Amino acid sequence: ATRFAKVATTHSDFARYPTCATTVFDVKASSWSDVKFGENPILNFCV
């Protein structure tokens, strides 16, 4: 989650990623085979 995000969320639980933590990303690639770390905005995060 940390590596995939373009910018990590400031949510206090994001770095430790507790049980059932869930992140939704907008993927900045046209196909899954082209996805890369560090390019994808976080749309939402929840614990």
All heavy atoms as atom14 arrays in JSON, in Angstrom:
{
  "sequence": "ATRFAKVATTHSDFARYPTCATTVFDVKASSWSDVKFGENPILNFCV",
  "atom14_mask": [
    [1, 1, 1, 1, 1, 0, 0, 0, 0, 0, 0, 0, 0, 0],
    [1, 1, 1, 1, 1, 1, 1, 0, 0, 0, 0, 0, 0, 0],
    [1, 1, 1, 1, 1, 1, 1, 1, 1, 1, 1, 0, 0, 0],
    [1, 1, 1, 1, 1, 1, 1, 1, 1, 1, 1, 0, 0, 0],
    [1, 1, 1, 1, 1, 0, 0, 0, 0, 0, 0, 0, 0, 0],
    [1, 1, 1, 1, 1, 1, 1, 1, 1, 0, 0, 0, 0, 0],
    [1, 1, 1, 1, 1, 1, 1, 0, 0, 0, 0, 0, 0, 0],
    [1, 1, 1, 1, 1, 0, 0, 0, 0, 0, 0, 0, 0, 0],
    [1, 1, 1, 1, 1, 1, 1, 0, 0, 0, 0, 0, 0, 0],
    [1, 1, 1, 1, 1, 1, 1, 0, 0, 0, 0, 0, 0, 0],
    [1, 1, 1, 1, 1, 1, 1, 1, 1, 1, 0, 0, 0, 0],
    [1, 1, 1, 1, 1, 1, 0, 0, 0, 0, 0, 0, 0, 0],
    [1, 1, 1, 1, 1, 1, 1, 1, 0, 0, 0, 0, 0, 0],
    [1, 1, 1, 1, 1, 1, 1, 1, 1, 1, 1, 0, 0, 0],
    [1, 1, 1, 1, 1, 0, 0, 0, 0, 0, 0, 0, 0, 0],
    [1, 1, 1, 1, 1, 1, 1, 1, 1, 1, 1, 0, 0, 0],
    [1, 1, 1, 1, 1, 1, 1, 1, 1, 1, 1, 1, 0, 0],
    [1, 1, 1, 1, 1, 1, 1, 0, 0, 0, 0, 0, 0, 0],
    [1, 1, 1, 1, 1, 1, 1, 0, 0, 0, 0, 0, 0, 0],
    [1, 1, 1, 1, 1, 1, 0, 0, 0, 0, 0, 0, 0, 0],
    [1, 1, 1, 1, 1, 0, 0, 0, 0, 0, 0, 0, 0, 0],
    [1, 1, 1, 1, 1, 1, 1, 0, 0, 0, 0, 0, 0, 0],
    [1, 1, 1, 1, 1, 1, 1, 0, 0, 0, 0, 0, 0, 0],
    [1, 1, 1, 1, 1, 1, 1, 0, 0, 0, 0, 0, 0, 0],
    [1, 1, 1, 1, 1, 1, 1, 1, 1, 1, 1, 0, 0, 0],
    [1, 1, 1, 1, 1, 1, 1, 1, 0, 0, 0, 0, 0, 0],
    [1, 1, 1, 1, 1, 1, 1, 0, 0, 0, 0, 0, 0, 0],
    [1, 1, 1, 1, 1, 1, 1, 1, 1, 0, 0, 0, 0, 0],
    [1, 1, 1, 1, 1, 0, 0, 0, 0, 0, 0, 0, 0, 0],
    [1, 1, 1, 1, 1, 1, 0, 0, 0, 0, 0, 0, 0, 0],
    [1, 1, 1, 1, 1, 1, 0, 0, 0, 0, 0, 0, 0, 0],
    [1, 1, 1, 1, 1, 1, 1, 1, 1, 1, 1, 1, 1, 1],
    [1, 1, 1, 1, 1, 1, 0, 0, 0, 0, 0, 0, 0, 0],
    [1, 1, 1, 1, 1, 1, 1, 1, 0, 0, 0, 0, 0, 0],
    [1, 1, 1, 1, 1, 1, 1, 0, 0, 0, 0, 0, 0, 0],
    [1, 1, 1, 1, 1, 1, 1, 1, 1, 0, 0, 0, 0, 0],
    [1, 1, 1, 1, 1, 1, 1, 1, 1, 1, 1, 0, 0, 0],
    [1, 1, 1, 1, 0, 0, 0, 0, 0, 0, 0, 0, 0, 0],
    [1, 1, 1, 1, 1, 1, 1, 1, 1, 0, 0, 0, 0, 0],
    [1, 1, 1, 1, 1, 1, 1, 1, 0, 0, 0, 0, 0, 0],
    [1, 1, 1, 1, 1, 1, 1, 0, 0, 0, 0, 0, 0, 0],
    [1, 1, 1, 1, 1, 1, 1, 1, 0, 0, 0, 0, 0, 0],
    [1, 1, 1, 1, 1, 1, 1, 1, 0, 0, 0, 0, 0, 0],
    [1, 1, 1, 1, 1, 1, 1, 1, 0, 0, 0, 0, 0, 0],
    [1, 1, 1, 1, 1, 1, 1, 1, 1, 1, 1, 0, 0, 0],
    [1, 1, 1, 1, 1, 1, 0, 0, 0, 0, 0, 0, 0, 0],
    [1, 1, 1, 1, 1, 1, 1, 0, 0, 0, 0, 0, 0, 0]
  ],
  "atom14_positions": [
    [[0.83, -1.21, 0.0], [0.0, 0.0, 0.0], [0.86, 1.26, 0.0], [0.61, 2.2, -0.76], [-0.93, -0.01, 1.21], [0.0, 0.0, 0.0], [0.0, 0.0, 0.0], [0.0, 0.0, 0.0], [0.0, 0.0, 0.0], [0.0, 0.0, 0.0], [0.0, 0.0, 0.0], [0.0, 0.0, 0.0], [0.0, 0.0, 0.0], [0.0, 0.0, 0.0]],
    [[1.89, 1.26, 0.83], [2.78, 2.42, 0.91], [3.54, 2.62, -0.39], [3.63, 3.75, -0.89], [3.77, 2.23, 2.07], [3.03, 2.11, 3.29], [4.72, 3.4, 2.19], [0.0, 0.0, 0.0], [0.0, 0.0, 0.0], [0.0, 0.0, 0.0], [0.0, 0.0, 0.0], [0.0, 0.0, 0.0], [0.0, 0.0, 0.0], [0.0, 0.0, 0.0]],
    [[4.05, 1.57, -0.96], [4.84, 1.67, -2.19], [3.98, 1.97, -3.41], [4.42, 2.64, -4.35], [5.61, 0.37, -2.44], [6.72, 0.13, -1.42], [7.46, -1.17, -1.69], [8.2, -1.09, -2.96], [8.69, -2.16, -3.59], [8.51, -3.37, -3.08], [9.35, -2.02, -4.72], [0.0, 0.0, 0.0], [0.0, 0.0, 0.0], [0.0, 0.0, 0.0]],
    [[2.74, 1.48, -3.43], [1.86, 1.64, -4.58], [1.33, 3.07, -4.69], [1.07, 3.57, -5.78], [0.71, 0.64, -4.49], [-0.01, 0.39, -5.79], [0.63, -0.26, -6.85], [-1.33, 0.77, -5.95], [-0.03, -0.52, -8.04], [-2.0, 0.52, -7.15], [-1.35, -0.13, -8.19], [0.0, 0.0, 0.0], [0.0, 0.0, 0.0], [0.0, 0.0, 0.0]],
    [[1.16, 3.71, -3.55], [0.57, 5.05, -3.5], [1.5, 6.1, -4.1], [2.71, 6.07, -3.88], [0.23, 5.42, -2.07], [0.0, 0.0, 0.0], [0.0, 0.0, 0.0], [0.0, 0.0, 0.0], [0.0, 0.0, 0.0], [0.0, 0.0, 0.0], [0.0, 0.0, 0.0], [0.0, 0.0, 0.0], [0.0, 0.0, 0.0], [0.0, 0.0, 0.0]],
    [[0.9, 7.04, -4.82], [1.66, 8.2, -5.29], [2.07, 9.03, -4.09], [3.21, 9.46, -3.98], [0.81, 9.02, -6.26], [1.53, 10.19, -6.86], [0.71, 10.87, -7.92], [1.53, 11.98, -8.56], [0.79, 12.58, -9.69], [0.0, 0.0, 0.0], [0.0, 0.0, 0.0], [0.0, 0.0, 0.0], [0.0, 0.0, 0.0], [0.0, 0.0, 0.0]],
    [[1.11, 9.25, -3.18], [1.35, 9.96, -1.92], [0.59, 9.18, -0.85], [-0.61, 8.96, -0.99], [0.84, 11.42, -1.98], [1.02, 12.1, -0.64], [1.53, 12.19, -3.09], [0.0, 0.0, 0.0], [0.0, 0.0, 0.0], [0.0, 0.0, 0.0], [0.0, 0.0, 0.0], [0.0, 0.0, 0.0], [0.0, 0.0, 0.0], [0.0, 0.0, 0.0]],
    [[1.27, 8.79, 0.21], [0.61, 8.06, 1.29], [-0.39, 8.96, 2.01], [-0.18, 10.17, 2.12], [1.64, 7.53, 2.28], [0.0, 0.0, 0.0], [0.0, 0.0, 0.0], [0.0, 0.0, 0.0], [0.0, 0.0, 0.0], [0.0, 0.0, 0.0], [0.0, 0.0, 0.0], [0.0, 0.0, 0.0], [0.0, 0.0, 0.0], [0.0, 0.0, 0.0]],
    [[-1.46, 8.38, 2.47], [-2.43, 9.14, 3.24], [-1.83, 9.5, 4.6], [-0.94, 8.8, 5.1], [-3.74, 8.33, 3.43], [-4.65, 9.09, 4.23], [-3.5, 7.01, 4.11], [0.0, 0.0, 0.0], [0.0, 0.0, 0.0], [0.0, 0.0, 0.0], [0.0, 0.0, 0.0], [0.0, 0.0, 0.0], [0.0, 0.0, 0.0], [0.0, 0.0, 0.0]],
    [[-2.34, 10.54, 5.2], [-1.86, 10.95, 6.53], [-2.63, 10.26, 7.65], [-2.39, 10.54, 8.82], [-1.98, 12.49, 6.7], [-3.36, 12.86, 6.51], [-1.09, 13.21, 5.69], [0.0, 0.0, 0.0], [0.0, 0.0, 0.0], [0.0, 0.0, 0.0], [0.0, 0.0, 0.0], [0.0, 0.0, 0.0], [0.0, 0.0, 0.0], [0.0, 0.0, 0.0]],
    [[-3.52, 9.38, 7.29], [-4.3, 8.65, 8.31], [-3.32, 7.95, 9.26], [-2.36, 7.3, 8.82], [-5.2, 7.63, 7.63], [-6.23, 7.03, 8.52], [-5.92, 6.13, 9.51], [-7.58, 7.21, 8.57], [-7.02, 5.77, 10.12], [-8.04, 6.42, 9.57], [0.0, 0.0, 0.0], [0.0, 0.0, 0.0], [0.0, 0.0, 0.0], [0.0, 0.0, 0.0]],
    [[-3.58, 8.04, 10.53], [-2.66, 7.5, 11.54], [-2.49, 5.98, 11.48], [-1.48, 5.46, 11.95], [-3.12, 7.91, 12.95], [-4.41, 7.37, 13.22], [0.0, 0.0, 0.0], [0.0, 0.0, 0.0], [0.0, 0.0, 0.0], [0.0, 0.0, 0.0], [0.0, 0.0, 0.0], [0.0, 0.0, 0.0], [0.0, 0.0, 0.0], [0.0, 0.0, 0.0]],
    [[-3.42, 5.25, 10.89], [-3.33, 3.79, 10.81], [-2.74, 3.27, 9.51], [-2.5, 2.07, 9.37], [-4.71, 3.16, 11.0], [-5.16, 3.15, 12.44], [-4.3, 3.01, 13.33], [-6.37, 3.3, 12.68], [0.0, 0.0, 0.0], [0.0, 0.0, 0.0], [0.0, 0.0, 0.0], [0.0, 0.0, 0.0], [0.0, 0.0, 0.0], [0.0, 0.0, 0.0]],
    [[-2.49, 4.16, 8.54], [-2.04, 3.68, 7.23], [-0.7, 2.96, 7.3], [-0.54, 1.89, 6.73], [-1.99, 4.84, 6.23], [-1.7, 4.39, 4.83], [-2.65, 3.71, 4.08], [-0.47, 4.65, 4.25], [-2.39, 3.29, 2.78], [-0.18, 4.24, 2.95], [-1.15, 3.56, 2.22], [0.0, 0.0, 0.0], [0.0, 0.0, 0.0], [0.0, 0.0, 0.0]],
    [[0.26, 3.52, 8.01], [1.6, 2.94, 8.03], [1.63, 1.56, 8.69], [2.39, 0.69, 8.27], [2.56, 3.88, 8.75], [0.0, 0.0, 0.0], [0.0, 0.0, 0.0], [0.0, 0.0, 0.0], [0.0, 0.0, 0.0], [0.0, 0.0, 0.0], [0.0, 0.0, 0.0], [0.0, 0.0, 0.0], [0.0, 0.0, 0.0], [0.0, 0.0, 0.0]],
    [[0.8, 1.34, 9.7], [0.83, 0.02, 10.35], [-0.14, -0.97, 9.72], [-0.05, -2.17, 9.94], [0.6, 0.14, 11.86], [-0.75, 0.58, 12.28], [-0.84, 0.73, 13.82], [-2.22, 0.87, 14.23], [-3.01, -0.12, 14.61], [-2.54, -1.34, 14.66], [-4.25, 0.12, 14.96], [0.0, 0.0, 0.0], [0.0, 0.0, 0.0], [0.0, 0.0, 0.0]],
    [[-1.05, -0.52, 8.91], [-2.02, -1.33, 8.18], [-2.63, -2.43, 9.05], [-2.35, -3.63, 8.86], [-1.39, -1.92, 6.91], [-2.3, -1.77, 5.71], [-2.42, -0.56, 5.06], [-3.07, -2.84, 5.26], [-3.27, -0.41, 3.96], [-3.91, -2.7, 4.18], [-4.02, -1.49, 3.53], [-4.86, -1.36, 2.47], [0.0, 0.0, 0.0], [0.0, 0.0, 0.0]],
    [[-3.48, -2.04, 10.02], [-4.07, -3.02, 10.94], [-5.03, -3.98, 10.23], [-5.36, -3.8, 9.06], [-4.81, -2.14, 11.95], [-5.14, -0.9, 11.2], [-4.0, -0.7, 10.23], [0.0, 0.0, 0.0], [0.0, 0.0, 0.0], [0.0, 0.0, 0.0], [0.0, 0.0, 0.0], [0.0, 0.0, 0.0], [0.0, 0.0, 0.0], [0.0, 0.0, 0.0]],
    [[-5.48, -4.98, 10.97], [-6.39, -5.97, 10.38], [-7.6, -5.29, 9.76], [-8.19, -4.38, 10.32], [-6.85, -7.01, 11.42], [-7.38, -6.35, 12.55], [-5.7, -7.91, 11.84], [0.0, 0.0, 0.0], [0.0, 0.0, 0.0], [0.0, 0.0, 0.0], [0.0, 0.0, 0.0], [0.0, 0.0, 0.0], [0.0, 0.0, 0.0], [0.0, 0.0, 0.0]],
    [[-7.93, -5.74, 8.58], [-9.06, -5.31, 7.77], [-8.94, -3.87, 7.25], [-9.89, -3.32, 6.72], [-10.4, -5.53, 8.5], [-11.65, -6.25, 7.42], [0.0, 0.0, 0.0], [0.0, 0.0, 0.0], [0.0, 0.0, 0.0], [0.0, 0.0, 0.0], [0.0, 0.0, 0.0], [0.0, 0.0, 0.0], [0.0, 0.0, 0.0], [0.0, 0.0, 0.0]],
    [[-7.75, -3.27, 7.4], [-7.52, -1.96, 6.78], [-7.74, -2.12, 5.28], [-7.36, -3.15, 4.69], [-6.1, -1.48, 7.06], [0.0, 0.0, 0.0], [0.0, 0.0, 0.0], [0.0, 0.0, 0.0], [0.0, 0.0, 0.0], [0.0, 0.0, 0.0], [0.0, 0.0, 0.0], [0.0, 0.0, 0.0], [0.0, 0.0, 0.0], [0.0, 0.0, 0.0]],
    [[-8.35, -1.13, 4.66], [-8.69, -1.21, 3.25], [-8.38, 0.12, 2.56], [-8.8, 1.17, 3.04], [-10.19, -1.56, 3.08], [-10.44, -2.8, 3.76], [-10.57, -1.71, 1.62], [0.0, 0.0, 0.0], [0.0, 0.0, 0.0], [0.0, 0.0, 0.0], [0.0, 0.0, 0.0], [0.0, 0.0, 0.0], [0.0, 0.0, 0.0], [0.0, 0.0, 0.0]],
    [[-7.67, 0.04, 1.46], [-7.34, 1.21, 0.67], [-7.89, 1.03, -0.73], [-7.81, -0.05, -1.31], [-5.81, 1.4, 0.56], [-5.24, 1.37, 1.87], [-5.46, 2.73, -0.1], [0.0, 0.0, 0.0], [0.0, 0.0, 0.0], [0.0, 0.0, 0.0], [0.0, 0.0, 0.0], [0.0, 0.0, 0.0], [0.0, 0.0, 0.0], [0.0, 0.0, 0.0]],
    [[-8.43, 2.11, -1.28], [-8.92, 2.11, -2.66], [-8.02, 3.06, -3.46], [-7.83, 4.21, -3.09], [-10.39, 2.57, -2.74], [-10.89, 2.54, -4.17], [-11.27, 1.71, -1.84], [0.0, 0.0, 0.0], [0.0, 0.0, 0.0], [0.0, 0.0, 0.0], [0.0, 0.0, 0.0], [0.0, 0.0, 0.0], [0.0, 0.0, 0.0], [0.0, 0.0, 0.0]],
    [[-7.47, 2.54, -4.54], [-6.56, 3.3, -5.4], [-7.17, 3.53, -6.78], [-7.82, 2.65, -7.33], [-5.26, 2.51, -5.65], [-4.39, 2.32, -4.45], [-4.5, 1.17, -3.67], [-3.44, 3.27, -4.11], [-3.68, 0.98, -2.58], [-2.62, 3.09, -3.01], [-2.74, 1.94, -2.24], [0.0, 0.0, 0.0], [0.0, 0.0, 0.0], [0.0, 0.0, 0.0]],
    [[-6.9, 4.69, -7.33], [-7.13, 4.96, -8.74], [-5.83, 4.56, -9.44], [-4.78, 5.12, -9.15], [-7.43, 6.45, -8.93], [-7.74, 6.82, -10.36], [-8.04, 5.92, -11.17], [-7.68, 8.02, -10.68], [0.0, 0.0, 0.0], [0.0, 0.0, 0.0], [0.0, 0.0, 0.0], [0.0, 0.0, 0.0], [0.0, 0.0, 0.0], [0.0, 0.0, 0.0]],
    [[-5.89, 3.58, -10.31], [-4.68, 3.03, -10.92], [-4.32, 3.84, -12.16], [-5.14, 4.03, -13.06], [-4.87, 1.54, -11.27], [-3.66, 0.97, -11.98], [-5.17, 0.75, -9.99], [0.0, 0.0, 0.0], [0.0, 0.0, 0.0], [0.0, 0.0, 0.0], [0.0, 0.0, 0.0], [0.0, 0.0, 0.0], [0.0, 0.0, 0.0], [0.0, 0.0, 0.0]],
    [[-3.09, 4.29, -12.19], [-2.6, 5.12, -13.3], [-1.89, 4.28, -14.34], [-0.71, 4.5, -14.65], [-1.69, 6.24, -12.77], [-2.42, 7.25, -11.93], [-3.52, 7.9, -12.75], [-4.33, 8.86, -11.92], [-5.53, 9.3, -12.59], [0.0, 0.0, 0.0], [0.0, 0.0, 0.0], [0.0, 0.0, 0.0], [0.0, 0.0, 0.0], [0.0, 0.0, 0.0]],
    [[-2.58, 3.32, -14.87], [-2.07, 2.49, -15.97], [-3.28, 2.05, -16.79], [-4.39, 1.96, -16.26], [-1.31, 1.28, -15.43], [0.0, 0.0, 0.0], [0.0, 0.0, 0.0], [0.0, 0.0, 0.0], [0.0, 0.0, 0.0], [0.0, 0.0, 0.0], [0.0, 0.0, 0.0], [0.0, 0.0, 0.0], [0.0, 0.0, 0.0], [0.0, 0.0, 0.0]],
    [[-3.05, 1.78, -18.04], [-4.17, 1.35, -18.89], [-4.42, -0.15, -18.83], [-5.47, -0.62, -19.22], [-3.93, 1.79, -20.34], [-2.71, 1.26, -20.8], [0.0, 0.0, 0.0], [0.0, 0.0, 0.0], [0.0, 0.0, 0.0], [0.0, 0.0, 0.0], [0.0, 0.0, 0.0], [0.0, 0.0, 0.0], [0.0, 0.0, 0.0], [0.0, 0.0, 0.0]],
    [[-3.44, -0.9, -18.33], [-3.63, -2.33, -18.14], [-2.9, -2.76, -16.87], [-1.94, -2.1, -16.44], [-3.11, -3.13, -19.34], [-1.71, -3.13, -19.36], [0.0, 0.0, 0.0], [0.0, 0.0, 0.0], [0.0, 0.0, 0.0], [0.0, 0.0, 0.0], [0.0, 0.0, 0.0], [0.0, 0.0, 0.0], [0.0, 0.0, 0.0], [0.0, 0.0, 0.0]],
    [[-3.35, -3.86, -16.29], [-2.73, -4.35, -15.05], [-1.27, -4.73, -15.26], [-0.46, -4.57, -14.36], [-3.53, -5.53, -14.49], [-4.86, -5.11, -13.96], [-6.08, -5.38, -14.51], [-5.11, -4.32, -12.79], [-7.07, -4.8, -13.75], [-6.5, -4.15, -12.69], [-4.3, -3.73, -11.83], [-7.1, -3.43, -11.67], [-4.88, -3.01, -10.8], [-6.27, -2.86, -10.72]],
    [[-0.94, -5.18, -16.44], [0.45, -5.57, -16.7], [1.41, -4.38, -16.65], [2.62, -4.56, -16.52], [0.57, -6.29, -18.04], [0.18, -5.43, -19.1], [0.0, 0.0, 0.0], [0.0, 0.0, 0.0], [0.0, 0.0, 0.0], [0.0, 0.0, 0.0], [0.0, 0.0, 0.0], [0.0, 0.0, 0.0], [0.0, 0.0, 0.0], [0.0, 0.0, 0.0]],
    [[0.86, -3.17, -16.73], [1.69, -1.96, -16.73], [1.71, -1.22, -15.39], [2.34, -0.16, -15.31], [1.19, -0.99, -17.81], [1.34, -1.56, -19.22], [2.27, -2.36, -19.44], [0.51, -1.22, -20.08], [0.0, 0.0, 0.0], [0.0, 0.0, 0.0], [0.0, 0.0, 0.0], [0.0, 0.0, 0.0], [0.0, 0.0, 0.0], [0.0, 0.0, 0.0]],
    [[1.05, -1.74, -14.35], [1.0, -1.0, -13.09], [2.39, -0.93, -12.45], [3.2, -1.85, -12.61], [-0.02, -1.6, -12.08], [-1.43, -1.49, -12.61], [0.33, -3.0, -11.7], [0.0, 0.0, 0.0], [0.0, 0.0, 0.0], [0.0, 0.0, 0.0], [0.0, 0.0, 0.0], [0.0, 0.0, 0.0], [0.0, 0.0, 0.0], [0.0, 0.0, 0.0]],
    [[2.63, 0.19, -11.76], [3.92, 0.42, -11.12], [3.72, 0.99, -9.73], [2.69, 1.62, -9.44], [4.75, 1.41, -11.95], [5.12, 0.91, -13.31], [5.88, 1.96, -14.07], [6.15, 1.43, -15.48], [6.51, 2.49, -16.4], [0.0, 0.0, 0.0], [0.0, 0.0, 0.0], [0.0, 0.0, 0.0], [0.0, 0.0, 0.0], [0.0, 0.0, 0.0]],
    [[4.72, 0.82, -8.91], [4.73, 1.44, -7.6], [4.89, 2.95, -7.74], [5.51, 3.44, -8.69], [5.89, 0.89, -6.75], [5.7, -0.52, -6.28], [6.63, -1.5, -6.58], [4.61, -0.87, -5.5], [6.48, -2.8, -6.12], [4.43, -2.17, -5.05], [5.37, -3.13, -5.36], [0.0, 0.0, 0.0], [0.0, 0.0, 0.0], [0.0, 0.0, 0.0]],
    [[4.33, 3.69, -6.78], [4.56, 5.12, -6.66], [3.8, 6.03, -7.6], [4.08, 7.22, -7.67], [0.0, 0.0, 0.0], [0.0, 0.0, 0.0], [0.0, 0.0, 0.0], [0.0, 0.0, 0.0], [0.0, 0.0, 0.0], [0.0, 0.0, 0.0], [0.0, 0.0, 0.0], [0.0, 0.0, 0.0], [0.0, 0.0, 0.0], [0.0, 0.0, 0.0]],
    [[2.8, 5.51, -8.31], [2.08, 6.32, -9.31], [0.59, 6.45, -9.05], [-0.09, 7.13, -9.81], [2.27, 5.7, -10.7], [3.69, 5.68, -11.18], [3.83, 5.12, -12.59], [2.85, 4.56, -13.12], [4.93, 5.25, -13.15], [0.0, 0.0, 0.0], [0.0, 0.0, 0.0], [0.0, 0.0, 0.0], [0.0, 0.0, 0.0], [0.0, 0.0, 0.0]],
    [[0.05, 5.84, -8.02], [-1.39, 5.64, -7.92], [-2.02, 6.41, -6.76], [-1.72, 6.13, -5.6], [-1.65, 4.14, -7.79], [-0.9, 3.38, -8.87], [-1.3, 3.39, -10.02], [0.22, 2.77, -8.52], [0.0, 0.0, 0.0], [0.0, 0.0, 0.0], [0.0, 0.0, 0.0], [0.0, 0.0, 0.0], [0.0, 0.0, 0.0], [0.0, 0.0, 0.0]],
    [[-2.9, 7.36, -7.07], [-3.55, 8.13, -6.01], [-4.47, 7.27, -5.15], [-5.15, 6.38, -5.64], [-4.37, 9.18, -6.77], [-3.89, 9.15, -8.18], [-3.28, 7.8, -8.4], [0.0, 0.0, 0.0], [0.0, 0.0, 0.0], [0.0, 0.0, 0.0], [0.0, 0.0, 0.0], [0.0, 0.0, 0.0], [0.0, 0.0, 0.0], [0.0, 0.0, 0.0]],
    [[-4.49, 7.58, -3.87], [-5.42, 6.92, -2.95], [-6.75, 7.65, -3.02], [-6.82, 8.87, -2.83], [-4.87, 6.94, -1.51], [-3.6, 6.08, -1.42], [-5.93, 6.47, -0.51], [-2.9, 6.15, -0.07], [0.0, 0.0, 0.0], [0.0, 0.0, 0.0], [0.0, 0.0, 0.0], [0.0, 0.0, 0.0], [0.0, 0.0, 0.0], [0.0, 0.0, 0.0]],
    [[-7.82, 6.9, -3.3], [-9.16, 7.48, -3.31], [-9.78, 7.46, -1.92], [-10.54, 8.37, -1.56], [-10.06, 6.71, -4.28], [-9.67, 6.74, -5.74], [-10.63, 5.87, -6.55], [-9.67, 8.16, -6.26], [0.0, 0.0, 0.0], [0.0, 0.0, 0.0], [0.0, 0.0, 0.0], [0.0, 0.0, 0.0], [0.0, 0.0, 0.0], [0.0, 0.0, 0.0]],
    [[-9.49, 6.41, -1.15], [-10.11, 6.28, 0.16], [-9.33, 5.25, 0.98], [-8.69, 4.35, 0.43], [-11.57, 5.84, 0.02], [-12.47, 6.43, 1.06], [-12.03, 6.74, 2.17], [-13.74, 6.62, 0.72], [0.0, 0.0, 0.0], [0.0, 0.0, 0.0], [0.0, 0.0, 0.0], [0.0, 0.0, 0.0], [0.0, 0.0, 0.0], [0.0, 0.0, 0.0]],
    [[-9.41, 5.41, 2.29], [-8.78, 4.48, 3.23], [-9.69, 4.35, 4.43], [-10.27, 5.34, 4.89], [-7.4, 4.99, 3.67], [-6.75, 4.14, 4.74], [-6.17, 2.92, 4.42], [-6.76, 4.53, 6.06], [-5.59, 2.13, 5.4], [-6.17, 3.76, 7.05], [-5.59, 2.55, 6.71], [0.0, 0.0, 0.0], [0.0, 0.0, 0.0], [0.0, 0.0, 0.0]],
    [[-9.82, 3.13, 4.94], [-10.72, 2.9, 6.07], [-10.2, 1.77, 6.94], [-9.61, 0.81, 6.44], [-12.11, 2.55, 5.53], [-13.36, 2.37, 6.8], [0.0, 0.0, 0.0], [0.0, 0.0, 0.0], [0.0, 0.0, 0.0], [0.0, 0.0, 0.0], [0.0, 0.0, 0.0], [0.0, 0.0, 0.0], [0.0, 0.0, 0.0], [0.0, 0.0, 0.0]],
    [[-10.43, 1.9, 8.23], [-10.23, 0.81, 9.17], [-11.56, 0.55, 9.87], [-12.34, 1.47, 10.08], [-9.1, 1.11, 10.19], [-7.75, 1.13, 9.5], [-9.35, 2.39, 10.93], [0.0, 0.0, 0.0], [0.0, 0.0, 0.0], [0.0, 0.0, 0.0], [0.0, 0.0, 0.0], [0.0, 0.0, 0.0], [0.0, 0.0, 0.0], [0.0, 0.0, 0.0]]
  ]
}
